[in-house]
């Protein structure tokens, strides 16, 4: 009987994902953010002081892609340290689904590094998103089974979710602390 239990326990340990971690929810707890932004406009939701957290988790959906002659629909979740940021960006350059996903390092407002995700997202499709960062600003973004990491090289001071010319919903959205 003990041998069977040992085999089962080993199988559970081996099958645990590499990103298995302990997540502690911070106040105010789980919430939702819905940015329904008119065409050609920009809106955002921001955590001004991210010093006591290092993770956001959300179920994300894009409900609407707007039309504007100048601005294509785009949505980001950014980890900001001073003037620079690491941004998980969802965009549609041809203004229709599917949308592509990218992790970008923006220095002085210009993209200096970009990592693409293989997965795409359609309208009203739910994706699980986890954004985690370290004290030195290494930001990891997991979407489904894909994980990308870029290091900012500075502490993350704030987190911002923004949208332009469309609607993004994060429901539920949980902020907190992750320990590996």
C-alpha atoms as a PDB file:
ATOM      1  CA  UNK A   1       0.000   0.000   0.000  1.00  0.00           C
ATOM      2  CA  UNK A   2       2.820   2.446   0.841  1.00  0.00           C
ATOM      3  CA  UNK A   3       4.446   1.888  -2.565  1.00  0.00           C
ATOM      4  CA  UNK A   4       1.211   2.806  -4.341  1.00  0.00           C
ATOM      5  CA  UNK A   5       0.906   6.026  -2.293  1.00  0.00           C
ATOM      6  CA  UNK A   6       4.528   6.945  -3.055  1.00  0.00           C
ATOM      7  CA  UNK A   7       3.945   6.475  -6.790  1.00  0.00           C
ATOM      8  CA  UNK A   8       0.769   8.578  -6.671  1.00  0.00           C
ATOM      9  CA  UNK A   9       2.570  11.338  -4.714  1.00  0.00           C
ATOM     10  CA  UNK A  10       5.442  11.382  -7.238  1.00  0.00           C
ATOM     11  CA  UNK A  11       2.989  11.583 -10.120  1.00  0.00           C
ATOM     12  CA  UNK A  12       1.285  14.587  -8.501  1.00  0.00           C
ATOM     13  CA  UNK A  13       4.621  16.350  -7.943  1.00  0.00           C
ATOM     14  CA  UNK A  14       5.774  15.735 -11.515  1.00  0.00           C
ATOM     15  CA  UNK A  15       2.500  16.910 -13.034  1.00  0.00           C
ATOM     16  CA  UNK A  16       2.459  20.194 -11.066  1.00  0.00           C
ATOM     17  CA  UNK A  17       3.083  23.152 -13.417  1.00  0.00           C
ATOM     18  CA  UNK A  18       6.470  24.868 -13.161  1.00  0.00           C
ATOM     19  CA  UNK A  19       4.716  28.118 -12.135  1.00  0.00           C
ATOM     20  CA  UNK A  20       2.886  26.578  -9.162  1.00  0.00           C
ATOM     21  CA  UNK A  21       3.078  29.202  -6.441  1.00  0.00           C
ATOM     22  CA  UNK A  22       1.390  30.477  -3.335  1.00  0.00           C
ATOM     23  CA  UNK A  23      -0.824  33.505  -4.061  1.00  0.00           C
ATOM     24  CA  UNK A  24      -2.078  35.755  -1.259  1.00  0.00           C
ATOM     25  CA  UNK A  25      -4.893  38.143  -2.121  1.00  0.00           C
ATOM     26  CA  UNK A  26      -4.450  41.770  -1.039  1.00  0.00           C
ATOM     27  CA  UNK A  27      -7.246  44.156  -0.110  1.00  0.00           C
ATOM     28  CA  UNK A  28      -9.684  45.025  -1.551  1.00  0.00           C
ATOM     29  CA  UNK A  29      -9.793  41.440  -2.802  1.00  0.00           C
ATOM     30  CA  UNK A  30     -11.102  40.273  -6.164  1.00  0.00           C
ATOM     31  CA  UNK A  31     -12.803  42.920  -8.298  1.00  0.00           C
ATOM     32  CA  UNK A  32     -13.496  43.649 -11.939  1.00  0.00           C
ATOM     33  CA  UNK A  33     -12.260  46.315 -14.352  1.00  0.00           C
ATOM     34  CA  UNK A  34     -14.227  47.047 -17.527  1.00  0.00           C
ATOM     35  CA  UNK A  35     -12.783  49.709 -19.824  1.00  0.00           C
ATOM     36  CA  UNK A  36     -15.384  50.410 -22.515  1.00  0.00           C
ATOM     37  CA  UNK A  37     -13.507  53.109 -24.418  1.00  0.00           C
ATOM     38  CA  UNK A  38     -15.092  55.067 -27.252  1.00  0.00           C
ATOM     39  CA  UNK A  39     -13.442  55.088 -30.667  1.00  0.00           C
ATOM     40  CA  UNK A  40     -10.290  57.189 -30.828  1.00  0.00           C
ATOM     41  CA  UNK A  41     -10.196  57.626 -27.029  1.00  0.00           C
ATOM     42  CA  UNK A  42      -8.015  56.218 -24.255  1.00  0.00           C
ATOM     43  CA  UNK A  43      -8.948  55.092 -20.744  1.00  0.00           C
ATOM     44  CA  UNK A  44      -7.070  53.450 -17.901  1.00  0.00           C
ATOM     45  CA  UNK A  45      -7.231  51.979 -14.403  1.00  0.00           C
ATOM     46  CA  UNK A  46      -4.133  52.263 -12.245  1.00  0.00           C
ATOM     47  CA  UNK A  47      -2.580  50.964  -9.048  1.00  0.00           C
ATOM     48  CA  UNK A  48      -0.503  53.992  -8.012  1.00  0.00           C
ATOM     49  CA  UNK A  49       1.649  52.213  -5.411  1.00  0.00           C
ATOM     50  CA  UNK A  50       2.557  48.624  -6.283  1.00  0.00           C
ATOM     51  CA  UNK A  51       5.246  48.335  -3.587  1.00  0.00           C
ATOM     52  CA  UNK A  52       3.276  45.874  -1.427  1.00  0.00           C
ATOM     53  CA  UNK A  53       2.187  43.526  -4.247  1.00  0.00           C
ATOM     54  CA  UNK A  54       3.891  41.551  -7.019  1.00  0.00           C
ATOM     55  CA  UNK A  55       1.074  39.808  -8.888  1.00  0.00           C
ATOM     56  CA  UNK A  56      -2.138  40.429 -10.736  1.00  0.00           C
ATOM     57  CA  UNK A  57      -4.332  37.591 -11.943  1.00  0.00           C
ATOM     58  CA  UNK A  58      -7.359  37.966 -14.160  1.00  0.00           C
ATOM     59  CA  UNK A  59      -9.745  36.374 -16.572  1.00  0.00           C
ATOM     60  CA  UNK A  60      -9.549  38.719 -19.533  1.00  0.00           C
ATOM     61  CA  UNK A  61     -11.988  39.274 -22.418  1.00  0.00           C
ATOM     62  CA  UNK A  62     -12.077  41.700 -25.327  1.00  0.00           C
ATOM     63  CA  UNK A  63     -15.739  42.548 -25.976  1.00  0.00           C
ATOM     64  CA  UNK A  64     -15.500  45.165 -28.714  1.00  0.00           C
ATOM     65  CA  UNK A  65     -13.084  46.449 -31.335  1.00  0.00           C
ATOM     66  CA  UNK A  66     -13.900  50.011 -32.311  1.00  0.00           C
ATOM     67  CA  UNK A  67     -13.136  51.842 -35.518  1.00  0.00           C
ATOM     68  CA  UNK A  68     -11.090  55.007 -35.798  1.00  0.00           C
ATOM     69  CA  UNK A  69      -9.089  56.292 -38.788  1.00  0.00           C
ATOM     70  CA  UNK A  70      -6.028  57.019 -36.630  1.00  0.00           C
ATOM     71  CA  UNK A  71      -6.055  54.527 -33.759  1.00  0.00           C
ATOM     72  CA  UNK A  72      -6.297  50.744 -33.987  1.00  0.00           C
ATOM     73  CA  UNK A  73      -7.824  48.930 -30.982  1.00  0.00           C
ATOM     74  CA  UNK A  74      -5.186  48.144 -28.348  1.00  0.00           C
ATOM     75  CA  UNK A  75      -5.179  47.035 -24.717  1.00  0.00           C
ATOM     76  CA  UNK A  76      -2.275  46.818 -22.262  1.00  0.00           C
ATOM     77  CA  UNK A  77      -1.366  45.721 -18.771  1.00  0.00           C
ATOM     78  CA  UNK A  78       1.797  47.629 -17.835  1.00  0.00           C
ATOM     79  CA  UNK A  79       4.289  47.320 -14.995  1.00  0.00           C
ATOM     80  CA  UNK A  80       5.882  50.753 -14.636  1.00  0.00           C
ATOM     81  CA  UNK A  81       9.198  51.757 -13.101  1.00  0.00           C
ATOM     82  CA  UNK A  82       9.862  55.472 -13.568  1.00  0.00           C
ATOM     83  CA  UNK A  83       9.649  56.470 -17.242  1.00  0.00           C
ATOM     84  CA  UNK A  84      10.074  52.881 -18.472  1.00  0.00           C
ATOM     85  CA  UNK A  85       7.619  50.013 -18.528  1.00  0.00           C
ATOM     86  CA  UNK A  86       7.051  46.373 -19.402  1.00  0.00           C
ATOM     87  CA  UNK A  87       3.712  46.099 -21.205  1.00  0.00           C
ATOM     88  CA  UNK A  88       1.626  43.057 -22.049  1.00  0.00           C
ATOM     89  CA  UNK A  89      -0.115  44.352 -25.182  1.00  0.00           C
ATOM     90  CA  UNK A  90      -3.111  42.999 -27.082  1.00  0.00           C
ATOM     91  CA  UNK A  91      -3.658  44.628 -30.451  1.00  0.00           C
ATOM     92  CA  UNK A  92      -5.350  44.352 -33.810  1.00  0.00           C
ATOM     93  CA  UNK A  93      -3.531  46.276 -36.507  1.00  0.00           C
ATOM     94  CA  UNK A  94      -6.098  45.264 -39.148  1.00  0.00           C
ATOM     95  CA  UNK A  95      -8.913  46.219 -36.731  1.00  0.00           C
ATOM     96  CA  UNK A  96     -10.501  42.762 -36.614  1.00  0.00           C
ATOM     97  CA  UNK A  97     -10.041  39.501 -34.662  1.00  0.00           C
ATOM     98  CA  UNK A  98      -8.038  37.543 -33.902  1.00  0.00           C
ATOM     99  CA  UNK A  99      -5.889  39.878 -31.803  1.00  0.00           C
ATOM    100  CA  UNK A 100      -2.197  39.273 -31.204  1.00  0.00           C
ATOM    101  CA  UNK A 101      -0.437  39.353 -27.840  1.00  0.00           C
ATOM    102  CA  UNK A 102       3.037  40.693 -27.100  1.00  0.00           C
ATOM    103  CA  UNK A 103       5.303  41.482 -24.159  1.00  0.00           C
ATOM    104  CA  UNK A 104       7.181  44.757 -24.734  1.00  0.00           C
ATOM    105  CA  UNK A 105       9.924  46.679 -22.960  1.00  0.00           C
ATOM    106  CA  UNK A 106       9.338  50.385 -23.514  1.00  0.00           C
ATOM    107  CA  UNK A 107      12.211  52.751 -22.748  1.00  0.00           C
ATOM    108  CA  UNK A 108      11.595  56.479 -23.127  1.00  0.00           C
ATOM    109  CA  UNK A 109       8.310  55.692 -24.915  1.00  0.00           C
ATOM    110  CA  UNK A 110       9.934  53.445 -27.570  1.00  0.00           C
ATOM    111  CA  UNK A 111       9.764  49.652 -27.822  1.00  0.00           C
ATOM    112  CA  UNK A 112      13.312  48.297 -27.341  1.00  0.00           C
ATOM    113  CA  UNK A 113      12.427  44.615 -26.882  1.00  0.00           C
ATOM    114  CA  UNK A 114       9.388  42.591 -27.892  1.00  0.00           C
ATOM    115  CA  UNK A 115       8.405  38.965 -27.369  1.00  0.00           C
ATOM    116  CA  UNK A 116       5.396  37.580 -29.225  1.00  0.00           C
ATOM    117  CA  UNK A 117       2.920  34.995 -27.970  1.00  0.00           C
ATOM    118  CA  UNK A 118       1.868  32.202 -30.304  1.00  0.00           C
ATOM    119  CA  UNK A 119      -1.722  32.275 -29.070  1.00  0.00           C
ATOM    120  CA  UNK A 120      -4.227  34.829 -30.323  1.00  0.00           C
ATOM    121  CA  UNK A 121      -7.524  35.945 -28.806  1.00  0.00           C
ATOM    122  CA  UNK A 122     -10.941  36.412 -30.386  1.00  0.00           C
ATOM    123  CA  UNK A 123     -13.828  38.592 -29.303  1.00  0.00           C
ATOM    124  CA  UNK A 124     -15.465  37.464 -26.050  1.00  0.00           C
ATOM    125  CA  UNK A 125     -12.909  34.667 -25.681  1.00  0.00           C
ATOM    126  CA  UNK A 126     -11.758  34.236 -22.069  1.00  0.00           C
ATOM    127  CA  UNK A 127      -8.048  33.946 -21.326  1.00  0.00           C
ATOM    128  CA  UNK A 128      -6.333  33.469 -17.994  1.00  0.00           C
ATOM    129  CA  UNK A 129      -3.649  36.093 -17.378  1.00  0.00           C
ATOM    130  CA  UNK A 130      -1.025  36.187 -14.625  1.00  0.00           C
ATOM    131  CA  UNK A 131       1.472  39.050 -14.334  1.00  0.00           C
ATOM    132  CA  UNK A 132       4.223  38.649 -11.716  1.00  0.00           C
ATOM    133  CA  UNK A 133       7.270  40.800 -11.019  1.00  0.00           C
ATOM    134  CA  UNK A 134      10.359  40.635  -8.816  1.00  0.00           C
ATOM    135  CA  UNK A 135      12.041  43.326  -6.709  1.00  0.00           C
ATOM    136  CA  UNK A 136      14.538  44.049  -9.518  1.00  0.00           C
ATOM    137  CA  UNK A 137      11.748  44.422 -12.094  1.00  0.00           C
ATOM    138  CA  UNK A 138      11.767  41.052 -13.872  1.00  0.00           C
ATOM    139  CA  UNK A 139       8.211  40.882 -15.222  1.00  0.00           C
ATOM    140  CA  UNK A 140       6.720  37.514 -16.215  1.00  0.00           C
ATOM    141  CA  UNK A 141       3.406  37.294 -18.037  1.00  0.00           C
ATOM    142  CA  UNK A 142       1.632  33.964 -18.429  1.00  0.00           C
ATOM    143  CA  UNK A 143      -1.271  33.593 -20.837  1.00  0.00           C
ATOM    144  CA  UNK A 144      -2.631  30.053 -20.787  1.00  0.00           C
ATOM    145  CA  UNK A 145       0.440  27.819 -21.124  1.00  0.00           C
ATOM    146  CA  UNK A 146       2.726  30.514 -22.572  1.00  0.00           C
ATOM    147  CA  UNK A 147       5.029  32.510 -20.337  1.00  0.00           C
ATOM    148  CA  UNK A 148       7.345  35.364 -21.344  1.00  0.00           C
ATOM    149  CA  UNK A 149       9.756  37.373 -19.150  1.00  0.00           C
ATOM    150  CA  UNK A 150      11.511  40.722 -19.640  1.00  0.00           C
ATOM    151  CA  UNK A 151      13.578  42.531 -17.001  1.00  0.00           C
ATOM    152  CA  UNK A 152      13.098  46.257 -16.474  1.00  0.00           C
ATOM    153  CA  UNK A 153      16.116  46.513 -14.175  1.00  0.00           C
ATOM    154  CA  UNK A 154      14.255  48.775 -11.723  1.00  0.00           C
ATOM    155  CA  UNK A 155      11.542  48.233  -9.126  1.00  0.00           C
ATOM    156  CA  UNK A 156       7.936  48.241 -10.316  1.00  0.00           C
ATOM    157  CA  UNK A 157       6.298  51.356  -8.873  1.00  0.00           C
ATOM    158  CA  UNK A 158       2.809  51.154 -10.420  1.00  0.00           C
ATOM    159  CA  UNK A 159       0.587  48.966 -12.586  1.00  0.00           C
ATOM    160  CA  UNK A 160      -1.772  50.235 -15.262  1.00  0.00           C
ATOM    161  CA  UNK A 161      -4.484  48.621 -17.379  1.00  0.00           C
ATOM    162  CA  UNK A 162      -5.493  50.665 -20.405  1.00  0.00           C
ATOM    163  CA  UNK A 163      -7.585  50.478 -23.516  1.00  0.00           C
ATOM    164  CA  UNK A 164      -8.133  52.450 -26.683  1.00  0.00           C
ATOM    165  CA  UNK A 165     -10.897  52.196 -29.274  1.00  0.00           C
ATOM    166  CA  UNK A 166     -12.581  49.130 -27.811  1.00  0.00           C
ATOM    167  CA  UNK A 167     -13.634  47.299 -24.675  1.00  0.00           C
ATOM    168  CA  UNK A 168     -11.554  45.120 -22.359  1.00  0.00           C
ATOM    169  CA  UNK A 169     -12.887  43.424 -19.239  1.00  0.00           C
ATOM    170  CA  UNK A 170     -10.862  41.758 -16.484  1.00  0.00           C
ATOM    171  CA  UNK A 171     -13.301  39.812 -14.348  1.00  0.00           C
ATOM    172  CA  UNK A 172     -12.327  38.676 -11.859  1.00  0.00           C
ATOM    173  CA  UNK A 173      -9.167  40.728 -11.289  1.00  0.00           C
ATOM    174  CA  UNK A 174      -7.140  39.807  -8.206  1.00  0.00           C
ATOM    175  CA  UNK A 175      -4.108  41.671  -6.896  1.00  0.00           C
ATOM    176  CA  UNK A 176      -1.747  40.249  -4.336  1.00  0.00           C
ATOM    177  CA  UNK A 177       1.569  38.622  -3.592  1.00  0.00           C
ATOM    178  CA  UNK A 178       3.020  35.449  -5.059  1.00  0.00           C
ATOM    179  CA  UNK A 179       5.733  33.367  -3.421  1.00  0.00           C
ATOM    180  CA  UNK A 180       7.344  30.601  -5.521  1.00  0.00           C
END
